[in-house]
Amino acid sequence: MEKGLVSAGFCVPIQTLNYHKAGPSRLAGAGWVGKVSDTMPIVLAILGIIAAIAVIAAIWGVGIYNGLVTLRNACKNAFAQVDVQLKRRHDLIPNLVETAKGYMAHESGTLTAVIEARAKATQANVRFAGNPNDPAAMRDLSQAEAGLSGALGKLMVVSEQYPQLKADATMRSLMEELASTENRIAFSRQAFNDAVLFYNNGREVFPQVFIANAFGFAAAEFFKIEDPAEKVAPKVTF
């Protein structure tokens, strides 16, 4: 619709703007912007919740990981106490054998068995110390120490046939020290097995088992003697 503007004899047409006839695309665009404005707080709230859950999950995972590390280190510390006593026993055996040689010349087989068993136990101890998280290394150590206990037990039985050896002051001193060491080994081994039990329980329960498997926390092996007949420490009668 046009209207004329008359001024000084001139007629200038002026187009009337009709604001009620806006295009549908303009109306749709305005509606979309309005909807985005309305949903933006909801989206931000959802993202905030997701971020909070992620942070909580991360803190939870770190806590479990640190707990497993603490339990594993407790096992290592407990075995360090066992290791001290095992080395003490290993150090006593050469002197024990040398002293016995002077009286047990006809028992070379028994003495050799003790020396060989000591060598195997020492090697197994070194292997386990190099890889304390290897269950197979612990099983080898358990078997080697069981063999050494058996060899020492046989030596004690045979030595009963040599009264002069039993009366030897050096031998008596060595045997007393060995008996004390055996008791310390038994005590420290029990403490180690307790630490292993706590660690294994800690890694196997839900949901710690997921973190343990993801980060390579393998189950620890108990330090035990395989042969029930060898569970008794060598009998000392000197």
C-alpha atoms as a PDB file:
ATOM      1  CA  MET A   1       0.000   0.000   0.000  1.00  0.00           C
ATOM      2  CA  GLU A   2       1.371   3.321  -0.995  1.00  0.00           C
ATOM      3  CA  LYS A   3       0.525   6.816   0.078  1.00  0.00           C
ATOM      4  CA  GLY A   4       1.466   9.995  -1.698  1.00  0.00           C
ATOM      5  CA  LEU A   5       3.253  12.910  -0.053  1.00  0.00           C
ATOM      6  CA  VAL A   6       2.281  16.181  -1.660  1.00  0.00           C
ATOM      7  CA  SER A   7       4.752  18.989  -1.260  1.00  0.00           C
ATOM      8  CA  ALA A   8       5.148  21.937  -3.527  1.00  0.00           C
ATOM      9  CA  GLY A   9       3.267  20.250  -6.326  1.00  0.00           C
ATOM     10  CA  PHE A  10       5.166  17.047  -6.178  1.00  0.00           C
ATOM     11  CA  CYS A  11       3.732  13.700  -5.211  1.00  0.00           C
ATOM     12  CA  VAL A  12       6.260  11.256  -3.744  1.00  0.00           C
ATOM     13  CA  PRO A  13       5.010   7.698  -3.133  1.00  0.00           C
ATOM     14  CA  ILE A  14       5.851   6.249   0.305  1.00  0.00           C
ATOM     15  CA  GLN A  15       5.602   2.475   0.920  1.00  0.00           C
ATOM     16  CA  THR A  16       3.942   1.558   4.167  1.00  0.00           C
ATOM     17  CA  LEU A  17       5.788  -1.117   6.173  1.00  0.00           C
ATOM     18  CA  ASN A  18       3.587  -3.864   7.547  1.00  0.00           C
ATOM     19  CA  TYR A  19       5.235  -5.367  10.649  1.00  0.00           C
ATOM     20  CA  HIS A  20       2.528  -7.980  11.002  1.00  0.00           C
ATOM     21  CA  LYS A  21       3.648  -9.875   7.902  1.00  0.00           C
ATOM     22  CA  ALA A  22       7.076 -11.277   9.104  1.00  0.00           C
ATOM     23  CA  GLY A  23       8.365 -14.302   7.201  1.00  0.00           C
ATOM     24  CA  PRO A  24       8.047 -17.790   8.759  1.00  0.00           C
ATOM     25  CA  SER A  25      11.856 -18.303   8.650  1.00  0.00           C
ATOM     26  CA  ARG A  26      12.404 -15.307  10.869  1.00  0.00           C
ATOM     27  CA  LEU A  27       9.849 -16.555  13.373  1.00  0.00           C
ATOM     28  CA  ALA A  28      11.382 -20.041  13.389  1.00  0.00           C
ATOM     29  CA  GLY A  29      14.875 -18.646  13.982  1.00  0.00           C
ATOM     30  CA  ALA A  30      13.701 -16.607  16.888  1.00  0.00           C
ATOM     31  CA  GLY A  31      12.008 -19.678  18.408  1.00  0.00           C
ATOM     32  CA  TRP A  32      15.170 -21.827  18.106  1.00  0.00           C
ATOM     33  CA  VAL A  33      17.252 -19.250  19.891  1.00  0.00           C
ATOM     34  CA  GLY A  34      14.705 -19.172  22.631  1.00  0.00           C
ATOM     35  CA  LYS A  35      14.754 -22.925  23.045  1.00  0.00           C
ATOM     36  CA  VAL A  36      18.581 -23.011  23.245  1.00  0.00           C
ATOM     37  CA  SER A  37      18.494 -20.337  25.888  1.00  0.00           C
ATOM     38  CA  ASP A  38      15.994 -22.358  27.878  1.00  0.00           C
ATOM     39  CA  THR A  39      17.912 -25.687  27.673  1.00  0.00           C
ATOM     40  CA  MET A  40      21.432 -24.305  28.219  1.00  0.00           C
ATOM     41  CA  PRO A  41      21.221 -24.395  32.056  1.00  0.00           C
ATOM     42  CA  ILE A  42      20.052 -28.019  31.907  1.00  0.00           C
ATOM     43  CA  VAL A  43      22.948 -29.011  29.632  1.00  0.00           C
ATOM     44  CA  LEU A  44      25.454 -27.256  31.879  1.00  0.00           C
ATOM     45  CA  ALA A  45      23.984 -28.971  34.920  1.00  0.00           C
ATOM     46  CA  ILE A  46      24.308 -32.402  33.266  1.00  0.00           C
ATOM     47  CA  LEU A  47      27.893 -31.702  32.263  1.00  0.00           C
ATOM     48  CA  GLY A  48      28.649 -30.582  35.803  1.00  0.00           C
ATOM     49  CA  ILE A  49      27.210 -33.800  37.231  1.00  0.00           C
ATOM     50  CA  ILE A  50      29.243 -35.908  34.787  1.00  0.00           C
ATOM     51  CA  ALA A  51      32.427 -34.016  35.694  1.00  0.00           C
ATOM     52  CA  ALA A  52      31.724 -34.453  39.409  1.00  0.00           C
ATOM     53  CA  ILE A  53      31.183 -38.199  38.960  1.00  0.00           C
ATOM     54  CA  ALA A  54      34.441 -38.457  37.015  1.00  0.00           C
ATOM     55  CA  VAL A  55      36.354 -36.626  39.755  1.00  0.00           C
ATOM     56  CA  ILE A  56      34.831 -38.797  42.480  1.00  0.00           C
ATOM     57  CA  ALA A  57      35.629 -41.961  40.510  1.00  0.00           C
ATOM     58  CA  ALA A  58      39.221 -40.807  40.017  1.00  0.00           C
ATOM     59  CA  ILE A  59      39.667 -40.080  43.726  1.00  0.00           C
ATOM     60  CA  TRP A  60      38.122 -43.449  44.584  1.00  0.00           C
ATOM     61  CA  GLY A  61      40.444 -45.258  42.167  1.00  0.00           C
ATOM     62  CA  VAL A  62      43.533 -43.485  43.499  1.00  0.00           C
ATOM     63  CA  GLY A  63      42.541 -44.381  47.045  1.00  0.00           C
ATOM     64  CA  ILE A  64      42.179 -48.064  46.213  1.00  0.00           C
ATOM     65  CA  TYR A  65      45.457 -48.078  44.276  1.00  0.00           C
ATOM     66  CA  ASN A  66      47.344 -46.479  47.158  1.00  0.00           C
ATOM     67  CA  GLY A  67      45.798 -48.964  49.575  1.00  0.00           C
ATOM     68  CA  LEU A  68      46.974 -51.904  47.467  1.00  0.00           C
ATOM     69  CA  VAL A  69      50.462 -50.430  47.253  1.00  0.00           C
ATOM     70  CA  THR A  70      50.524 -50.108  51.040  1.00  0.00           C
ATOM     71  CA  LEU A  71      49.505 -53.750  51.504  1.00  0.00           C
ATOM     72  CA  ARG A  72      52.046 -54.958  48.956  1.00  0.00           C
ATOM     73  CA  ASN A  73      54.823 -52.982  50.621  1.00  0.00           C
ATOM     74  CA  ALA A  74      53.810 -54.502  53.953  1.00  0.00           C
ATOM     75  CA  CYS A  75      54.419 -57.944  52.415  1.00  0.00           C
ATOM     76  CA  LYS A  76      57.847 -56.880  51.205  1.00  0.00           C
ATOM     77  CA  ASN A  77      58.741 -55.504  54.619  1.00  0.00           C
ATOM     78  CA  ALA A  78      57.549 -58.682  56.339  1.00  0.00           C
ATOM     79  CA  PHE A  79      59.655 -60.832  54.035  1.00  0.00           C
ATOM     80  CA  ALA A  80      62.678 -58.644  54.719  1.00  0.00           C
ATOM     81  CA  GLN A  81      62.463 -59.853  58.316  1.00  0.00           C
ATOM     82  CA  VAL A  82      62.278 -63.460  57.124  1.00  0.00           C
ATOM     83  CA  ASP A  83      65.215 -62.873  54.813  1.00  0.00           C
ATOM     84  CA  VAL A  84      67.413 -61.710  57.684  1.00  0.00           C
ATOM     85  CA  GLN A  85      66.812 -64.938  59.597  1.00  0.00           C
ATOM     86  CA  LEU A  86      67.224 -67.152  56.540  1.00  0.00           C
ATOM     87  CA  LYS A  87      70.602 -65.612  55.783  1.00  0.00           C
ATOM     88  CA  ARG A  88      71.561 -66.059  59.417  1.00  0.00           C
ATOM     89  CA  ARG A  89      70.780 -69.776  59.165  1.00  0.00           C
ATOM     90  CA  HIS A  90      72.629 -70.054  55.858  1.00  0.00           C
ATOM     91  CA  ASP A  91      75.692 -68.464  57.445  1.00  0.00           C
ATOM     92  CA  LEU A  92      75.652 -70.893  60.361  1.00  0.00           C
ATOM     93  CA  ILE A  93      75.555 -74.051  58.270  1.00  0.00           C
ATOM     94  CA  PRO A  94      79.118 -74.008  56.834  1.00  0.00           C
ATOM     95  CA  ASN A  95      80.606 -73.713  60.326  1.00  0.00           C
ATOM     96  CA  LEU A  96      78.271 -76.429  61.536  1.00  0.00           C
ATOM     97  CA  VAL A  97      79.345 -78.807  58.780  1.00  0.00           C
ATOM     98  CA  GLU A  98      83.036 -78.062  59.240  1.00  0.00           C
ATOM     99  CA  THR A  99      82.792 -78.816  62.942  1.00  0.00           C
ATOM    100  CA  ALA A 100      80.884 -82.034  62.309  1.00  0.00           C
ATOM    101  CA  LYS A 101      83.416 -83.247  59.749  1.00  0.00           C
ATOM    102  CA  GLY A 102      85.978 -83.857  62.439  1.00  0.00           C
ATOM    103  CA  TYR A 103      83.722 -86.423  64.106  1.00  0.00           C
ATOM    104  CA  MET A 104      81.581 -87.717  61.223  1.00  0.00           C
ATOM    105  CA  ALA A 105      84.163 -88.795  58.694  1.00  0.00           C
ATOM    106  CA  HIS A 106      81.941 -91.675  57.578  1.00  0.00           C
ATOM    107  CA  GLU A 107      78.879 -89.465  57.091  1.00  0.00           C
ATOM    108  CA  SER A 108      80.127 -87.470  54.130  1.00  0.00           C
ATOM    109  CA  GLY A 109      76.887 -88.100  52.241  1.00  0.00           C
ATOM    110  CA  THR A 110      74.818 -86.516  54.990  1.00  0.00           C
ATOM    111  CA  LEU A 111      77.119 -83.500  55.235  1.00  0.00           C
ATOM    112  CA  THR A 112      77.190 -83.069  51.461  1.00  0.00           C
ATOM    113  CA  ALA A 113      73.402 -83.145  51.355  1.00  0.00           C
ATOM    114  CA  VAL A 114      73.284 -80.294  53.872  1.00  0.00           C
ATOM    115  CA  ILE A 115      75.738 -78.190  51.846  1.00  0.00           C
ATOM    116  CA  GLU A 116      73.852 -78.810  48.599  1.00  0.00           C
ATOM    117  CA  ALA A 117      70.518 -78.003  50.213  1.00  0.00           C
ATOM    118  CA  ARG A 118      71.977 -74.771  51.582  1.00  0.00           C
ATOM    119  CA  ALA A 119      73.212 -73.782  48.121  1.00  0.00           C
ATOM    120  CA  LYS A 120      69.766 -74.355  46.599  1.00  0.00           C
ATOM    121  CA  ALA A 121      68.095 -72.369  49.362  1.00  0.00           C
ATOM    122  CA  THR A 122      70.536 -69.493  48.948  1.00  0.00           C
ATOM    123  CA  GLN A 123      69.965 -69.354  45.195  1.00  0.00           C
ATOM    124  CA  ALA A 124      66.191 -69.484  45.616  1.00  0.00           C
ATOM    125  CA  ASN A 125      66.377 -66.685  48.153  1.00  0.00           C
ATOM    126  CA  VAL A 126      68.339 -64.509  45.734  1.00  0.00           C
ATOM    127  CA  ARG A 127      65.828 -65.175  42.938  1.00  0.00           C
ATOM    128  CA  PHE A 128      62.883 -64.268  45.105  1.00  0.00           C
ATOM    129  CA  ALA A 129      64.597 -61.126  46.411  1.00  0.00           C
ATOM    130  CA  GLY A 130      65.088 -60.040  42.794  1.00  0.00           C
ATOM    131  CA  ASN A 131      61.404 -60.517  41.992  1.00  0.00           C
ATOM    132  CA  PRO A 132      59.342 -60.508  45.206  1.00  0.00           C
ATOM    133  CA  ASN A 133      56.054 -60.287  43.278  1.00  0.00           C
ATOM    134  CA  ASP A 134      56.592 -63.615  41.504  1.00  0.00           C
ATOM    135  CA  PRO A 135      54.535 -66.422  43.118  1.00  0.00           C
ATOM    136  CA  ALA A 136      56.646 -69.061  41.355  1.00  0.00           C
ATOM    137  CA  ALA A 137      59.809 -67.666  42.970  1.00  0.00           C
ATOM    138  CA  MET A 138      58.183 -67.931  46.394  1.00  0.00           C
ATOM    139  CA  ARG A 139      57.170 -71.533  45.740  1.00  0.00           C
ATOM    140  CA  ASP A 140      60.750 -72.359  44.737  1.00  0.00           C
ATOM    141  CA  LEU A 141      62.028 -70.706  47.902  1.00  0.00           C
ATOM    142  CA  SER A 142      59.560 -72.612  50.063  1.00  0.00           C
ATOM    143  CA  GLN A 143      60.606 -75.927  48.536  1.00  0.00           C
ATOM    144  CA  ALA A 144      64.315 -75.124  48.824  1.00  0.00           C
ATOM    145  CA  GLU A 145      64.030 -74.120  52.478  1.00  0.00           C
ATOM    146  CA  ALA A 146      61.960 -77.221  53.164  1.00  0.00           C
ATOM    147  CA  GLY A 147      64.740 -79.331  51.624  1.00  0.00           C
ATOM    148  CA  LEU A 148      67.323 -77.581  53.792  1.00  0.00           C
ATOM    149  CA  SER A 149      65.258 -78.210  56.929  1.00  0.00           C
ATOM    150  CA  GLY A 150      64.987 -81.858  55.969  1.00  0.00           C
ATOM    151  CA  ALA A 151      68.741 -82.169  55.432  1.00  0.00           C
ATOM    152  CA  LEU A 152      69.457 -80.510  58.779  1.00  0.00           C
ATOM    153  CA  GLY A 153      66.970 -82.791  60.484  1.00  0.00           C
ATOM    154  CA  LYS A 154      68.727 -85.840  59.073  1.00  0.00           C
ATOM    155  CA  LEU A 155      72.056 -84.460  60.252  1.00  0.00           C
ATOM    156  CA  MET A 156      70.689 -84.101  63.763  1.00  0.00           C
ATOM    157  CA  VAL A 157      69.493 -87.702  63.770  1.00  0.00           C
ATOM    158  CA  VAL A 158      72.836 -89.031  62.576  1.00  0.00           C
ATOM    159  CA  SER A 159      74.787 -86.875  65.042  1.00  0.00           C
ATOM    160  CA  GLU A 160      73.065 -88.683  67.921  1.00  0.00           C
ATOM    161  CA  GLN A 161      75.419 -91.592  67.173  1.00  0.00           C
ATOM    162  CA  TYR A 162      78.491 -89.475  67.955  1.00  0.00           C
ATOM    163  CA  PRO A 163      78.717 -88.614  71.678  1.00  0.00           C
ATOM    164  CA  GLN A 164      82.006 -86.756  71.238  1.00  0.00           C
ATOM    165  CA  LEU A 165      80.407 -84.496  68.651  1.00  0.00           C
ATOM    166  CA  LYS A 166      77.543 -83.757  71.012  1.00  0.00           C
ATOM    167  CA  ALA A 167      80.039 -82.832  73.702  1.00  0.00           C
ATOM    168  CA  ASP A 168      82.036 -80.482  71.486  1.00  0.00           C
ATOM    169  CA  ALA A 169      81.702 -76.902  72.813  1.00  0.00           C
ATOM    170  CA  THR A 170      81.771 -75.297  69.358  1.00  0.00           C
ATOM    171  CA  MET A 171      79.117 -77.664  68.058  1.00  0.00           C
ATOM    172  CA  ARG A 172      76.906 -77.030  71.066  1.00  0.00           C
ATOM    173  CA  SER A 173      77.201 -73.280  70.578  1.00  0.00           C
ATOM    174  CA  LEU A 174      76.391 -73.532  66.881  1.00  0.00           C
ATOM    175  CA  MET A 175      73.384 -75.751  67.518  1.00  0.00           C
ATOM    176  CA  GLU A 176      72.002 -73.424  70.154  1.00  0.00           C
ATOM    177  CA  GLU A 177      72.315 -70.516  67.771  1.00  0.00           C
ATOM    178  CA  LEU A 178      70.736 -72.552  64.991  1.00  0.00           C
ATOM    179  CA  ALA A 179      67.810 -73.502  67.222  1.00  0.00           C
ATOM    180  CA  SER A 180      67.272 -69.840  68.113  1.00  0.00           C
ATOM    181  CA  THR A 181      67.390 -68.922  64.427  1.00  0.00           C
ATOM    182  CA  GLU A 182      64.837 -71.605  63.543  1.00  0.00           C
ATOM    183  CA  ASN A 183      62.430 -70.126  66.089  1.00  0.00           C
ATOM    184  CA  ARG A 184      62.934 -66.652  64.653  1.00  0.00           C
ATOM    185  CA  ILE A 185      62.343 -67.948  61.150  1.00  0.00           C
ATOM    186  CA  ALA A 186      59.078 -69.527  62.227  1.00  0.00           C
ATOM    187  CA  PHE A 187      57.914 -66.310  63.892  1.00  0.00           C
ATOM    188  CA  SER A 188      58.889 -64.031  61.006  1.00  0.00           C
ATOM    189  CA  ARG A 189      57.405 -66.444  58.465  1.00  0.00           C
ATOM    190  CA  GLN A 190      54.077 -66.316  60.296  1.00  0.00           C
ATOM    191  CA  ALA A 191      54.181 -62.510  60.241  1.00  0.00           C
ATOM    192  CA  PHE A 192      54.891 -62.618  56.506  1.00  0.00           C
ATOM    193  CA  ASN A 193      52.016 -64.999  55.847  1.00  0.00           C
ATOM    194  CA  ASP A 194      49.693 -62.714  57.804  1.00  0.00           C
ATOM    195  CA  ALA A 195      50.762 -59.784  55.623  1.00  0.00           C
ATOM    196  CA  VAL A 196      50.173 -61.897  52.507  1.00  0.00           C
ATOM    197  CA  LEU A 197      46.690 -62.791  53.734  1.00  0.00           C
ATOM    198  CA  PHE A 198      45.782 -59.129  54.271  1.00  0.00           C
ATOM    199  CA  TYR A 199      47.137 -58.214  50.853  1.00  0.00           C
ATOM    200  CA  ASN A 200      45.326 -61.011  49.022  1.00  0.00           C
ATOM    201  CA  ASN A 201      42.062 -60.197  50.781  1.00  0.00           C
ATOM    202  CA  GLY A 202      42.527 -56.541  49.913  1.00  0.00           C
ATOM    203  CA  ARG A 203      43.041 -57.226  46.227  1.00  0.00           C
ATOM    204  CA  GLU A 204      40.342 -59.875  45.800  1.00  0.00           C
ATOM    205  CA  VAL A 205      37.317 -58.143  47.323  1.00  0.00           C
ATOM    206  CA  PHE A 206      34.886 -56.088  45.239  1.00  0.00           C
ATOM    207  CA  PRO A 207      35.495 -53.491  43.842  1.00  0.00           C
ATOM    208  CA  GLN A 208      39.254 -53.492  44.564  1.00  0.00           C
ATOM    209  CA  VAL A 209      39.682 -56.488  42.286  1.00  0.00           C
ATOM    210  CA  PHE A 210      39.115 -54.289  39.213  1.00  0.00           C
ATOM    211  CA  ILE A 211      41.911 -51.893  40.166  1.00  0.00           C
ATOM    212  CA  ALA A 212      44.181 -54.799  41.146  1.00  0.00           C
ATOM    213  CA  ASN A 213      43.737 -56.549  37.803  1.00  0.00           C
ATOM    214  CA  ALA A 214      44.049 -53.319  35.820  1.00  0.00           C
ATOM    215  CA  PHE A 215      47.359 -52.343  37.429  1.00  0.00           C
ATOM    216  CA  GLY A 216      48.971 -55.762  37.787  1.00  0.00           C
ATOM    217  CA  PHE A 217      48.619 -56.445  41.515  1.00  0.00           C
ATOM    218  CA  ALA A 218      49.153 -60.206  41.345  1.00  0.00           C
ATOM    219  CA  ALA A 219      48.192 -62.490  44.208  1.00  0.00           C
ATOM    220  CA  ALA A 220      51.038 -63.143  46.651  1.00  0.00           C
ATOM    221  CA  GLU A 221      52.190 -66.644  47.599  1.00  0.00           C
ATOM    222  CA  PHE A 222      52.392 -67.862  51.179  1.00  0.00           C
ATOM    223  CA  PHE A 223      55.746 -68.963  52.554  1.00  0.00           C
ATOM    224  CA  LYS A 224      54.964 -72.539  53.498  1.00  0.00           C
ATOM    225  CA  ILE A 225      56.688 -75.882  53.703  1.00  0.00           C
ATOM    226  CA  GLU A 226      55.221 -78.321  51.226  1.00  0.00           C
ATOM    227  CA  ASP A 227      56.069 -81.591  52.994  1.00  0.00           C
ATOM    228  CA  PRO A 228      54.117 -81.925  56.279  1.00  0.00           C
ATOM    229  CA  ALA A 229      56.909 -84.082  57.671  1.00  0.00           C
ATOM    230  CA  GLU A 230      59.292 -81.162  57.296  1.00  0.00           C
ATOM    231  CA  LYS A 231      57.144 -78.606  59.113  1.00  0.00           C
ATOM    232  CA  VAL A 232      58.868 -79.395  62.382  1.00  0.00           C
ATOM    233  CA  ALA A 233      62.095 -77.494  62.945  1.00  0.00           C
ATOM    234  CA  PRO A 234      65.218 -79.639  63.289  1.00  0.00           C
ATOM    235  CA  LYS A 235      65.344 -81.161  66.746  1.00  0.00           C
ATOM    236  CA  VAL A 236      68.348 -79.997  68.718  1.00  0.00           C
ATOM    237  CA  THR A 237      69.505 -82.161  71.607  1.00  0.00           C
ATOM    238  CA  PHE A 238      72.987 -80.805  72.146  1.00  0.00           C
END
